[in-house]
């Protein structure tokens, strides 16, 4: 019988780095809505062709690696907006695999560099992937989260 959970180890290679201007964790905002400034996604030149027609998207999904996160086994996270929750029911950067995701407005492209509206991570953070945000697929109109009352929904970078 095959063990369904016996997966080979795998490797992620950065495709570029984020340029946010934040030199320390203390400078980083708690979320991307806390950074009104422009940030940059600088891809390695070999990946520049992968940006062809990226300008057709108003927003992009950015996946990146939080290299300074605490990856020690932990299952709980302090809830800054309510009660304590499990790590998988929170947005804490301290995770078994510290992969972060942001949806950010695409402002411009110049060769292998994307100018975007705000990110919440350290300057030099490794980029794992970029995908276009597709409203028809990615927006879920009736999605909710109980720690954020409906009348105080966080602002989007729109």
Protein backbone atom coordinates (compact mmCIF):
# COMPACT_ATOMS: atom_id res chain seq x y z
CA UNK A 1 0.00 0.00 0.00
CA UNK A 2 1.30 3.45 -0.90
CA UNK A 3 1.62 6.05 1.85
CA UNK A 4 -0.33 9.04 0.54
CA UNK A 5 1.59 11.40 2.81
CA UNK A 6 5.05 10.19 1.77
CA UNK A 7 5.94 13.02 -0.55
CA UNK A 8 9.46 13.74 -1.74
CA UNK A 9 11.09 16.86 -0.38
CA UNK A 10 11.01 19.71 -2.82
CA UNK A 11 12.88 22.91 -3.43
CA UNK A 12 11.60 26.39 -4.17
CA UNK A 13 13.84 28.75 -6.10
CA UNK A 14 13.24 32.50 -5.98
CA UNK A 15 12.24 34.13 -9.24
CA UNK A 16 13.16 37.57 -7.93
CA UNK A 17 13.04 39.86 -4.90
CA UNK A 18 10.75 42.51 -3.44
CA UNK A 19 11.93 46.08 -2.98
CA UNK A 20 9.92 47.71 -0.21
CA UNK A 21 12.40 49.96 1.59
CA UNK A 22 11.79 48.23 4.96
CA UNK A 23 15.16 47.29 6.45
CA UNK A 24 13.86 45.68 9.67
CA UNK A 25 10.80 43.80 10.88
CA UNK A 26 9.99 46.72 13.18
CA UNK A 27 9.56 48.94 10.11
CA UNK A 28 7.21 46.55 8.28
CA UNK A 29 3.49 47.30 8.44
CA UNK A 30 1.20 44.63 9.89
CA UNK A 31 -0.54 44.23 6.53
CA UNK A 32 -0.24 45.55 3.01
CA UNK A 33 -2.99 48.06 3.72
CA UNK A 34 -0.53 49.67 6.17
CA UNK A 35 1.88 50.52 3.36
CA UNK A 36 0.52 53.20 1.03
CA UNK A 37 3.88 53.52 -0.71
CA UNK A 38 5.06 52.08 -3.98
CA UNK A 39 7.01 48.84 -3.89
CA UNK A 40 8.80 46.92 -6.62
CA UNK A 41 8.94 43.31 -7.70
CA UNK A 42 12.31 42.75 -9.33
CA UNK A 43 12.39 39.47 -11.25
CA UNK A 44 15.59 37.78 -12.28
CA UNK A 45 16.23 38.70 -15.94
CA UNK A 46 15.65 35.10 -17.08
CA UNK A 47 12.00 35.42 -16.00
CA UNK A 48 11.28 38.73 -17.76
CA UNK A 49 9.54 37.01 -20.70
CA UNK A 50 7.04 35.57 -18.19
CA UNK A 51 5.71 39.11 -17.67
CA UNK A 52 4.49 39.40 -21.27
CA UNK A 53 1.02 41.05 -21.20
CA UNK A 54 1.01 41.34 -17.39
CA UNK A 55 -0.24 44.91 -17.97
CA UNK A 56 -3.63 43.39 -18.90
CA UNK A 57 -4.17 42.76 -15.17
CA UNK A 58 -4.91 45.64 -12.80
CA UNK A 59 -3.80 43.55 -9.80
CA UNK A 60 -1.37 40.69 -9.25
CA UNK A 61 -1.11 37.96 -6.64
CA UNK A 62 2.40 37.80 -5.23
CA UNK A 63 3.67 34.73 -3.35
CA UNK A 64 6.82 35.28 -1.32
CA UNK A 65 8.96 33.61 1.36
CA UNK A 66 9.13 35.16 4.85
CA UNK A 67 12.71 34.10 5.57
CA UNK A 68 12.85 35.52 9.12
CA UNK A 69 9.68 33.81 10.33
CA UNK A 70 9.68 31.48 13.32
CA UNK A 71 9.15 28.04 11.77
CA UNK A 72 9.28 26.15 15.07
CA UNK A 73 6.32 23.80 15.43
CA UNK A 74 3.43 25.79 16.84
CA UNK A 75 -0.27 25.48 16.36
CA UNK A 76 -1.59 28.63 17.95
CA UNK A 77 -1.33 32.27 17.05
CA UNK A 78 -2.19 35.34 19.03
CA UNK A 79 -5.25 37.00 17.59
CA UNK A 80 -4.61 40.73 17.22
CA UNK A 81 -8.26 41.14 16.16
CA UNK A 82 -9.91 38.83 18.67
CA UNK A 83 -9.35 35.51 20.42
CA UNK A 84 -6.39 33.21 20.00
CA UNK A 85 -6.64 31.01 16.92
CA UNK A 86 -4.79 28.13 15.33
CA UNK A 87 -1.92 29.04 13.03
CA UNK A 88 -3.95 27.89 10.01
CA UNK A 89 -6.86 30.11 11.10
CA UNK A 90 -4.66 33.20 11.27
CA UNK A 91 -2.52 35.43 9.07
CA UNK A 92 0.59 35.20 11.29
CA UNK A 93 3.91 35.16 9.41
CA UNK A 94 5.18 32.47 11.84
CA UNK A 95 4.17 29.29 10.04
CA UNK A 96 5.57 25.83 9.29
CA UNK A 97 6.12 27.04 5.70
CA UNK A 98 6.26 30.86 5.78
CA UNK A 99 4.70 31.49 2.39
CA UNK A 100 3.01 34.87 2.16
CA UNK A 101 0.43 36.06 -0.32
CA UNK A 102 -0.54 39.60 -1.26
CA UNK A 103 -2.92 40.96 -3.85
CA UNK A 104 -1.55 44.28 -4.97
CA UNK A 105 -2.32 46.88 -7.64
CA UNK A 106 -0.03 46.76 -10.64
CA UNK A 107 1.10 50.29 -11.49
CA UNK A 108 3.72 49.74 -14.21
CA UNK A 109 6.21 47.36 -15.78
CA UNK A 110 9.71 48.23 -16.90
CA UNK A 111 11.52 45.20 -18.34
CA UNK A 112 11.81 42.74 -15.40
CA UNK A 113 10.55 45.16 -12.72
CA UNK A 114 6.94 45.61 -11.66
CA UNK A 115 5.90 48.73 -9.77
CA UNK A 116 3.08 47.87 -7.36
CA UNK A 117 1.05 49.61 -4.65
CA UNK A 118 2.32 48.58 -1.24
CA UNK A 119 3.68 45.36 0.23
CA UNK A 120 4.19 44.38 3.87
CA UNK A 121 7.59 42.68 3.95
CA UNK A 122 11.29 43.28 4.22
CA UNK A 123 13.31 44.71 1.39
CA UNK A 124 14.96 41.80 -0.44
CA UNK A 125 12.26 39.22 0.38
CA UNK A 126 12.33 36.36 -2.12
CA UNK A 127 9.49 36.14 -4.67
CA UNK A 128 8.19 32.62 -5.33
CA UNK A 129 5.53 33.34 -7.95
CA UNK A 130 3.31 36.00 -9.51
CA UNK A 131 -0.17 35.40 -10.89
CA UNK A 132 -2.76 37.78 -12.29
CA UNK A 133 -5.70 38.49 -10.04
CA UNK A 134 -8.81 37.45 -12.00
CA UNK A 135 -11.93 38.99 -10.42
CA UNK A 136 -14.27 36.44 -11.99
CA UNK A 137 -12.29 33.59 -10.40
CA UNK A 138 -10.65 35.07 -7.30
CA UNK A 139 -13.45 37.21 -5.81
CA UNK A 140 -15.89 35.43 -3.52
CA UNK A 141 -18.73 37.86 -2.81
CA UNK A 142 -20.19 36.05 0.21
CA UNK A 143 -16.87 35.24 1.95
CA UNK A 144 -16.68 36.33 5.60
CA UNK A 145 -14.35 36.17 8.59
CA UNK A 146 -15.87 36.67 12.01
CA UNK A 147 -12.98 38.58 13.59
CA UNK A 148 -13.57 41.45 11.13
CA UNK A 149 -17.09 42.87 11.50
CA UNK A 150 -18.73 43.62 8.12
CA UNK A 151 -18.72 47.37 8.70
CA UNK A 152 -14.91 47.45 9.28
CA UNK A 153 -13.72 45.41 6.32
CA UNK A 154 -10.06 46.31 5.70
CA UNK A 155 -9.40 48.59 2.76
CA UNK A 156 -8.00 47.05 -0.40
CA UNK A 157 -5.22 48.46 -2.54
CA UNK A 158 -7.75 49.37 -5.19
